Amino acid sequence: MIWLVVELKSCMRDGPFRGSECPECGDRGKLLMRENEIEGVGRILAGMLRHFPENYGVRLDDHGWIKIFTIIPVIRTQKRNFWWLTPFHVEALVVTDPKGRYQINKDKEIRASYGHTIPVNMDDLPTDGVPDSLYYQTTEEELEFIRETGISPSDKSWIHLSLTARQAYVSGLFHIDSPAVVEIDVRGMIDSGRPVYRATDEVFVVNEIPPEFVKDKIEEKFELTEEEDMDIKSVRERTERRIKRDSF
């Protein structure tokens, strides 16, 4: 089996990209970050922008934004071997992220697009391009409960919906063994005055979902790709190690 190493590079003509060569012109580009460095900076950004900014001594505004230049010395302090990090590295990381985890605005501020466990107002996200139906992953045990009571945020400050049932299922596997996926009547929610926001092209967020908009469970069976299986196992192993470490 061949394991692909993903590097972050910059092409002089076409800008940042991930991989061995620029997808536009084939140039091999200048190396910006190796795979382990991408992962290391990404973990810090997730902690800082999604979960516990106070642990890093930073303050986000009400919509989760913070100036990029202010977080560079924080990251350098967290990881001494990132002494070379600049705002350009962070911007390149964001614009090439295949999952769209972060956003950068015209004022050179950065925030997490979704996944917050801290209170963040995301009502400045776009509401256009939202499909009539989206999908939510839950457990078999909770399925009847949400049909009766609706869905409220649990471990996150917003409810996250996926573009497709398959994406919801795969997303659920990062946390539980056998996710149950239900369809959500998004058009009905919007028509009733409940906005649904587009965090990325595949992830949407909403404040709450009343029970009348929770539709049928998806019975289709989904097969994982090898890459998805590896990614899920890696994340769950890291989570288990962290839980064991924190328990001591």
Foldseek 3Di string as FASTA:
>chain_A
DDDAWWFWFADPVPGIEIDQADPPPRHRGHTDGTRVRLVLVVVVQCCCFAECVVVLVDDAPQQRKDALQVCQVSSCVVPVVVPVDDLSSVVSSQVHPPVNQKDADPRRIMHGLDNHQDRHDNVVFDQPPDDQKWKAKDAPVCVVVCLQFWDADDSHQWGKTFRDQQVNQLVCLLPDPGIWMWMFRNNVCVVVPFTWGDSDNTMITGGTTGNVRTHDIDPDDDDDDPVSVVVSVVSNVVVVVVVVVVVD
